[in-house]
Amino acid sequence: MKKDESIILNDQSEAALIGSILMEEDIPHYIRSYADAAYDGIHQIQMGWGRVENPLEYRDRVLDILKGLRESEV
């Protein structure tokens, strides 16, 4: 499974929401947090909360879902 460029997530809530939707839609994915206790969260400050990785063929759908989540927060 070839993975796409990472899609950056803003926080744990966003990660949980998109993870639920992707599972519901049977879209293969992996969500990785940038949290690292050894560095006291510095990576999350610089890089975002974490990322979602997915096969290339699902990139547009994942981005659409994320855009919808972010627009609904406004």
PDB file of N, CA and C in Angstrom:
ATOM      1  N   MET A   1       0.858  -1.172   0.000  1.00  0.00           N
ATOM      2  CA  MET A   1       0.000   0.000   0.000  1.00  0.00           C
ATOM      3  C   MET A   1       0.898   1.227   0.000  1.00  0.00           C
ATOM      4  N   LYS A   2       0.887   1.964  -1.083  1.00  0.00           N
ATOM      5  CA  LYS A   2       1.665   3.191  -1.168  1.00  0.00           C
ATOM      6  C   LYS A   2       0.950   4.294  -0.419  1.00  0.00           C
ATOM      7  N   LYS A   3       1.675   4.972   0.449  1.00  0.00           N
ATOM      8  CA  LYS A   3       1.061   6.028   1.263  1.00  0.00           C
ATOM      9  C   LYS A   3       1.279   7.388   0.627  1.00  0.00           C
ATOM     10  N   ASP A   4       0.337   8.256   0.871  1.00  0.00           N
ATOM     11  CA  ASP A   4       0.363   9.614   0.362  1.00  0.00           C
ATOM     12  C   ASP A   4       1.148  10.503   1.304  1.00  0.00           C
ATOM     13  N   GLU A   5       1.322  11.743   0.903  1.00  0.00           N
ATOM     14  CA  GLU A   5       1.863  12.740   1.807  1.00  0.00           C
ATOM     15  C   GLU A   5       0.958  12.811   3.032  1.00  0.00           C
ATOM     16  N   SER A   6       1.527  13.069   4.158  1.00  0.00           N
ATOM     17  CA  SER A   6       0.751  13.162   5.385  1.00  0.00           C
ATOM     18  C   SER A   6      -0.233  14.317   5.339  1.00  0.00           C
ATOM     19  N   ILE A   7      -1.372  14.117   5.937  1.00  0.00           N
ATOM     20  CA  ILE A   7      -2.376  15.151   6.101  1.00  0.00           C
ATOM     21  C   ILE A   7      -2.340  15.538   7.573  1.00  0.00           C
ATOM     22  N   ILE A   8      -1.996  16.785   7.857  1.00  0.00           N
ATOM     23  CA  ILE A   8      -1.768  17.250   9.225  1.00  0.00           C
ATOM     24  C   ILE A   8      -3.087  17.487   9.952  1.00  0.00           C
ATOM     25  N   LEU A   9      -3.138  17.030  11.198  1.00  0.00           N
ATOM     26  CA  LEU A   9      -4.314  17.196  12.057  1.00  0.00           C
ATOM     27  C   LEU A   9      -4.005  18.232  13.132  1.00  0.00           C
ATOM     28  N   ASN A  10      -5.020  19.001  13.494  1.00  0.00           N
ATOM     29  CA  ASN A  10      -4.833  20.094  14.454  1.00  0.00           C
ATOM     30  C   ASN A  10      -4.852  19.665  15.914  1.00  0.00           C
ATOM     31  N   ASP A  11      -5.689  18.680  16.246  1.00  0.00           N
ATOM     32  CA  ASP A  11      -5.806  18.283  17.651  1.00  0.00           C
ATOM     33  C   ASP A  11      -6.391  16.879  17.772  1.00  0.00           C
ATOM     34  N   GLN A  12      -6.458  16.410  18.998  1.00  0.00           N
ATOM     35  CA  GLN A  12      -6.917  15.051  19.269  1.00  0.00           C
ATOM     36  C   GLN A  12      -8.389  14.862  18.898  1.00  0.00           C
ATOM     37  N   SER A  13      -9.200  15.880  19.091  1.00  0.00           N
ATOM     38  CA  SER A  13     -10.618  15.786  18.732  1.00  0.00           C
ATOM     39  C   SER A  13     -10.787  15.610  17.230  1.00  0.00           C
ATOM     40  N   GLU A  14     -10.043  16.386  16.471  1.00  0.00           N
ATOM     41  CA  GLU A  14     -10.094  16.268  15.015  1.00  0.00           C
ATOM     42  C   GLU A  14      -9.637  14.881  14.577  1.00  0.00           C
ATOM     43  N   ALA A  15      -8.599  14.369  15.206  1.00  0.00           N
ATOM     44  CA  ALA A  15      -8.095  13.032  14.893  1.00  0.00           C
ATOM     45  C   ALA A  15      -9.151  11.970  15.179  1.00  0.00           C
ATOM     46  N   ALA A  16      -9.827  12.083  16.308  1.00  0.00           N
ATOM     47  CA  ALA A  16     -10.852  11.111  16.672  1.00  0.00           C
ATOM     48  C   ALA A  16     -12.030  11.159  15.697  1.00  0.00           C
ATOM     49  N   LEU A  17     -12.447  12.365  15.345  1.00  0.00           N
ATOM     50  CA  LEU A  17     -13.578  12.514  14.418  1.00  0.00           C
ATOM     51  C   LEU A  17     -13.258  11.955  13.043  1.00  0.00           C
ATOM     52  N   ILE A  18     -12.130  12.343  12.492  1.00  0.00           N
ATOM     53  CA  ILE A  18     -11.807  11.860  11.152  1.00  0.00           C
ATOM     54  C   ILE A  18     -11.541  10.357  11.171  1.00  0.00           C
ATOM     55  N   GLY A  19     -10.947   9.870  12.243  1.00  0.00           N
ATOM     56  CA  GLY A  19     -10.733   8.427  12.366  1.00  0.00           C
ATOM     57  C   GLY A  19     -12.038   7.656  12.341  1.00  0.00           C
ATOM     58  N   SER A  20     -13.041   8.160  13.049  1.00  0.00           N
ATOM     59  CA  SER A  20     -14.359   7.507  13.071  1.00  0.00           C
ATOM     60  C   SER A  20     -14.999   7.498  11.690  1.00  0.00           C
ATOM     61  N   ILE A  21     -14.913   8.630  11.009  1.00  0.00           N
ATOM     62  CA  ILE A  21     -15.517   8.732   9.678  1.00  0.00           C
ATOM     63  C   ILE A  21     -14.801   7.813   8.688  1.00  0.00           C
ATOM     64  N   LEU A  22     -13.489   7.796   8.738  1.00  0.00           N
ATOM     65  CA  LEU A  22     -12.734   6.945   7.822  1.00  0.00           C
ATOM     66  C   LEU A  22     -13.023   5.468   8.070  1.00  0.00           C
ATOM     67  N   MET A  23     -13.160   5.081   9.320  1.00  0.00           N
ATOM     68  CA  MET A  23     -13.524   3.692   9.628  1.00  0.00           C
ATOM     69  C   MET A  23     -14.921   3.380   9.108  1.00  0.00           C
ATOM     70  N   GLU A  24     -15.856   4.306   9.304  1.00  0.00           N
ATOM     71  CA  GLU A  24     -17.231   4.132   8.848  1.00  0.00           C
ATOM     72  C   GLU A  24     -17.292   3.968   7.328  1.00  0.00           C
ATOM     73  N   GLU A  25     -16.426   4.681   6.617  1.00  0.00           N
ATOM     74  CA  GLU A  25     -16.408   4.624   5.158  1.00  0.00           C
ATOM     75  C   GLU A  25     -15.436   3.565   4.625  1.00  0.00           C
ATOM     76  N   ASP A  26     -14.877   2.761   5.518  1.00  0.00           N
ATOM     77  CA  ASP A  26     -13.921   1.707   5.139  1.00  0.00           C
ATOM     78  C   ASP A  26     -12.737   2.232   4.334  1.00  0.00           C
ATOM     79  N   ILE A  27     -12.240   3.380   4.726  1.00  0.00           N
ATOM     80  CA  ILE A  27     -11.060   3.966   4.083  1.00  0.00           C
ATOM     81  C   ILE A  27      -9.843   3.582   4.914  1.00  0.00           C
ATOM     82  N   PRO A  28      -8.900   2.855   4.322  1.00  0.00           N
ATOM     83  CA  PRO A  28      -7.705   2.471   5.069  1.00  0.00           C
ATOM     84  C   PRO A  28      -6.914   3.718   5.473  1.00  0.00           C
ATOM     85  N   HIS A  29      -6.471   3.733   6.716  1.00  0.00           N
ATOM     86  CA  HIS A  29      -5.752   4.898   7.217  1.00  0.00           C
ATOM     87  C   HIS A  29      -4.958   4.542   8.461  1.00  0.00           C
ATOM     88  N   TYR A  30      -4.062   5.440   8.798  1.00  0.00           N
ATOM     89  CA  TYR A  30      -3.296   5.329  10.035  1.00  0.00           C
ATOM     90  C   TYR A  30      -3.168   6.735  10.603  1.00  0.00           C
ATOM     91  N   ILE A  31      -3.542   6.906  11.853  1.00  0.00           N
ATOM     92  CA  ILE A  31      -3.425   8.207  12.510  1.00  0.00           C
ATOM     93  C   ILE A  31      -2.268   8.138  13.496  1.00  0.00           C
ATOM     94  N   ARG A  32      -1.359   9.085  13.360  1.00  0.00           N
ATOM     95  CA  ARG A  32      -0.169   9.114  14.213  1.00  0.00           C
ATOM     96  C   ARG A  32      -0.063  10.465  14.909  1.00  0.00           C
ATOM     97  N   SER A  33       0.065  10.422  16.208  1.00  0.00           N
ATOM     98  CA  SER A  33       0.269  11.631  17.000  1.00  0.00           C
ATOM     99  C   SER A  33       1.755  11.978  17.017  1.00  0.00           C
ATOM    100  N   TYR A  34       2.048  13.255  17.015  1.00  0.00           N
ATOM    101  CA  TYR A  34       3.429  13.709  17.154  1.00  0.00           C
ATOM    102  C   TYR A  34       3.839  13.867  18.620  1.00  0.00           C
ATOM    103  N   ALA A  35       2.973  13.478  19.538  1.00  0.00           N
ATOM    104  CA  ALA A  35       3.281  13.604  20.960  1.00  0.00           C
ATOM    105  C   ALA A  35       4.516  12.772  21.302  1.00  0.00           C
ATOM    106  N   ASP A  36       5.392  13.347  22.084  1.00  0.00           N
ATOM    107  CA  ASP A  36       6.592  12.659  22.524  1.00  0.00           C
ATOM    108  C   ASP A  36       6.943  13.191  23.910  1.00  0.00           C
ATOM    109  N   ALA A  37       6.749  12.372  24.916  1.00  0.00           N
ATOM    110  CA  ALA A  37       6.975  12.792  26.297  1.00  0.00           C
ATOM    111  C   ALA A  37       8.409  13.266  26.528  1.00  0.00           C
ATOM    112  N   ALA A  38       9.342  12.699  25.809  1.00  0.00           N
ATOM    113  CA  ALA A  38      10.744  13.065  25.999  1.00  0.00           C
ATOM    114  C   ALA A  38      11.019  14.515  25.601  1.00  0.00           C
ATOM    115  N   TYR A  39      10.222  15.029  24.677  1.00  0.00           N
ATOM    116  CA  TYR A  39      10.433  16.403  24.207  1.00  0.00           C
ATOM    117  C   TYR A  39       9.328  17.349  24.653  1.00  0.00           C
ATOM    118  N   ASP A  40       8.487  16.901  25.569  1.00  0.00           N
ATOM    119  CA  ASP A  40       7.463  17.739  26.195  1.00  0.00           C
ATOM    120  C   ASP A  40       6.555  18.462  25.189  1.00  0.00           C
ATOM    121  N   GLY A  41       6.155  17.759  24.118  1.00  0.00           N
ATOM    122  CA  GLY A  41       5.182  18.312  23.185  1.00  0.00           C
ATOM    123  C   GLY A  41       5.725  19.292  22.158  1.00  0.00           C
ATOM    124  N   ILE A  42       7.034  19.459  22.083  1.00  0.00           N
ATOM    125  CA  ILE A  42       7.595  20.447  21.157  1.00  0.00           C
ATOM    126  C   ILE A  42       7.266  20.120  19.707  1.00  0.00           C
ATOM    127  N   HIS A  43       7.204  18.836  19.354  1.00  0.00           N
ATOM    128  CA  HIS A  43       6.878  18.462  17.976  1.00  0.00           C
ATOM    129  C   HIS A  43       5.451  18.874  17.620  1.00  0.00           C
ATOM    130  N   GLN A  44       4.524  18.753  18.562  1.00  0.00           N
ATOM    131  CA  GLN A  44       3.145  19.132  18.290  1.00  0.00           C
ATOM    132  C   GLN A  44       3.015  20.637  18.107  1.00  0.00           C
ATOM    133  N   ILE A  45       3.811  21.403  18.782  1.00  0.00           N
ATOM    134  CA  ILE A  45       3.778  22.858  18.628  1.00  0.00           C
ATOM    135  C   ILE A  45       4.280  23.237  17.237  1.00  0.00           C
ATOM    136  N   GLN A  46       5.325  22.572  16.782  1.00  0.00           N
ATOM    137  CA  GLN A  46       5.945  22.907  15.510  1.00  0.00           C
ATOM    138  C   GLN A  46       5.250  22.270  14.309  1.00  0.00           C
ATOM    139  N   MET A  47       4.722  21.058  14.469  1.00  0.00           N
ATOM    140  CA  MET A  47       4.264  20.284  13.320  1.00  0.00           C
ATOM    141  C   MET A  47       2.765  20.027  13.282  1.00  0.00           C
ATOM    142  N   GLY A  48       2.016  20.378  14.310  1.00  0.00           N
ATOM    143  CA  GLY A  48       0.608  20.027  14.392  1.00  0.00           C
ATOM    144  C   GLY A  48       0.431  18.866  15.345  1.00  0.00           C
ATOM    145  N   TRP A  49      -0.807  18.528  15.661  1.00  0.00           N
ATOM    146  CA  TRP A  49      -1.064  17.460  16.632  1.00  0.00           C
ATOM    147  C   TRP A  49      -0.547  16.113  16.143  1.00  0.00           C
ATOM    148  N   GLY A  50      -0.763  15.852  14.873  1.00  0.00           N
ATOM    149  CA  GLY A  50      -0.366  14.573  14.303  1.00  0.00           C
ATOM    150  C   GLY A  50      -0.738  14.526  12.839  1.00  0.00           C
ATOM    151  N   ARG A  51      -0.853  13.321  12.309  1.00  0.00           N
ATOM    152  CA  ARG A  51      -1.161  13.197  10.881  1.00  0.00           C
ATOM    153  C   ARG A  51      -2.007  11.966  10.612  1.00  0.00           C
ATOM    154  N   VAL A  52      -2.661  12.001   9.465  1.00  0.00           N
ATOM    155  CA  VAL A  52      -3.370  10.829   8.975  1.00  0.00           C
ATOM    156  C   VAL A  52      -2.704  10.429   7.662  1.00  0.00           C
ATOM    157  N   GLU A  53      -2.378   9.148   7.562  1.00  0.00           N
ATOM    158  CA  GLU A  53      -1.789   8.608   6.344  1.00  0.00           C
ATOM    159  C   GLU A  53      -2.814   7.688   5.707  1.00  0.00           C
ATOM    160  N   ASN A  54      -2.825   7.666   4.379  1.00  0.00           N
ATOM    161  CA  ASN A  54      -3.791   6.853   3.664  1.00  0.00           C
ATOM    162  C   ASN A  54      -3.253   6.538   2.278  1.00  0.00           C
ATOM    163  N   PRO A  55      -3.799   5.521   1.620  1.00  0.00           N
ATOM    164  CA  PRO A  55      -3.377   5.246   0.242  1.00  0.00           C
ATOM    165  C   PRO A  55      -3.727   6.425  -0.669  1.00  0.00           C
ATOM    166  N   LEU A  56      -2.926   6.608  -1.697  1.00  0.00           N
ATOM    167  CA  LEU A  56      -3.092   7.732  -2.620  1.00  0.00           C
ATOM    168  C   LEU A  56      -4.493   7.849  -3.196  1.00  0.00           C
ATOM    169  N   GLU A  57      -5.108   6.731  -3.514  1.00  0.00           N
ATOM    170  CA  GLU A  57      -6.423   6.791  -4.171  1.00  0.00           C
ATOM    171  C   GLU A  57      -7.526   7.360  -3.278  1.00  0.00           C
ATOM    172  N   TYR A  58      -7.272   7.490  -1.972  1.00  0.00           N
ATOM    173  CA  TYR A  58      -8.266   8.035  -1.043  1.00  0.00           C
ATOM    174  C   TYR A  58      -7.965   9.477  -0.627  1.00  0.00           C
ATOM    175  N   ARG A  59      -6.876  10.034  -1.111  1.00  0.00           N
ATOM    176  CA  ARG A  59      -6.445  11.361  -0.662  1.00  0.00           C
ATOM    177  C   ARG A  59      -7.537  12.417  -0.797  1.00  0.00           C
ATOM    178  N   ASP A  60      -8.145  12.520  -1.961  1.00  0.00           N
ATOM    179  CA  ASP A  60      -9.160  13.552  -2.170  1.00  0.00           C
ATOM    180  C   ASP A  60     -10.333  13.388  -1.216  1.00  0.00           C
ATOM    181  N   ARG A  61     -10.765  12.163  -0.989  1.00  0.00           N
ATOM    182  CA  ARG A  61     -11.890  11.924  -0.079  1.00  0.00           C
ATOM    183  C   ARG A  61     -11.508  12.306   1.351  1.00  0.00           C
ATOM    184  N   VAL A  62     -10.331  11.936   1.786  1.00  0.00           N
ATOM    185  CA  VAL A  62      -9.888  12.274   3.146  1.00  0.00           C
ATOM    186  C   VAL A  62      -9.802  13.791   3.309  1.00  0.00           C
ATOM    187  N   LEU A  63      -9.258  14.465   2.308  1.00  0.00           N
ATOM    188  CA  LEU A  63      -9.176  15.930   2.374  1.00  0.00           C
ATOM    189  C   LEU A  63     -10.561  16.568   2.401  1.00  0.00           C
ATOM    190  N   ASP A  64     -11.510  16.019   1.642  1.00  0.00           N
ATOM    191  CA  ASP A  64     -12.889  16.524   1.666  1.00  0.00           C
ATOM    192  C   ASP A  64     -13.513  16.359   3.044  1.00  0.00           C
ATOM    193  N   ILE A  65     -13.300  15.212   3.648  1.00  0.00           N
ATOM    194  CA  ILE A  65     -13.844  14.956   4.987  1.00  0.00           C
ATOM    195  C   ILE A  65     -13.248  15.943   5.980  1.00  0.00           C
ATOM    196  N   LEU A  66     -11.941  16.115   5.936  1.00  0.00           N
ATOM    197  CA  LEU A  66     -11.267  17.019   6.861  1.00  0.00           C
ATOM    198  C   LEU A  66     -11.739  18.459   6.656  1.00  0.00           C
ATOM    199  N   LYS A  67     -11.893  18.859   5.417  1.00  0.00           N
ATOM    200  CA  LYS A  67     -12.392  20.207   5.127  1.00  0.00           C
ATOM    201  C   LYS A  67     -13.792  20.400   5.716  1.00  0.00           C
ATOM    202  N   GLY A  68     -14.650  19.395   5.546  1.00  0.00           N
ATOM    203  CA  GLY A  68     -15.994  19.471   6.116  1.00  0.00           C
ATOM    204  C   GLY A  68     -15.981  19.582   7.631  1.00  0.00           C
ATOM    205  N   LEU A  69     -15.109  18.817   8.281  1.00  0.00           N
ATOM    206  CA  LEU A  69     -14.993  18.896   9.738  1.00  0.00           C
ATOM    207  C   LEU A  69     -14.549  20.286  10.181  1.00  0.00           C
ATOM    208  N   ARG A  70     -13.578  20.817   9.501  1.00  0.00           N
ATOM    209  CA  ARG A  70     -13.044  22.128   9.880  1.00  0.00           C
ATOM    210  C   ARG A  70     -14.041  23.251   9.612  1.00  0.00           C
ATOM    211  N   GLU A  71     -14.803  23.124   8.540  1.00  0.00           N
ATOM    212  CA  GLU A  71     -15.817  24.145   8.235  1.00  0.00           C
ATOM    213  C   GLU A  71     -16.977  24.094   9.234  1.00  0.00           C
ATOM    214  N   SER A  72     -17.287  22.909   9.725  1.00  0.00           N
ATOM    215  CA  SER A  72     -18.397  22.782  10.669  1.00  0.00           C
ATOM    216  C   SER A  72     -18.039  23.329  12.047  1.00  0.00           C
ATOM    217  N   GLU A  73     -16.737  23.495  12.314  1.00  0.00           N
ATOM    218  CA  GLU A  73     -16.289  24.051  13.596  1.00  0.00           C
ATOM    219  C   GLU A  73     -16.426  25.566  13.640  1.00  0.00           C
ATOM    220  N   VAL A  74     -16.505  26.215  12.510  1.00  0.00           N
ATOM    221  CA  VAL A  74     -16.530  27.679  12.445  1.00  0.00           C
ATOM    222  C   VAL A  74     -17.847  28.226  12.868  1.00  0.00           C
TER     223      VAL A  74
END
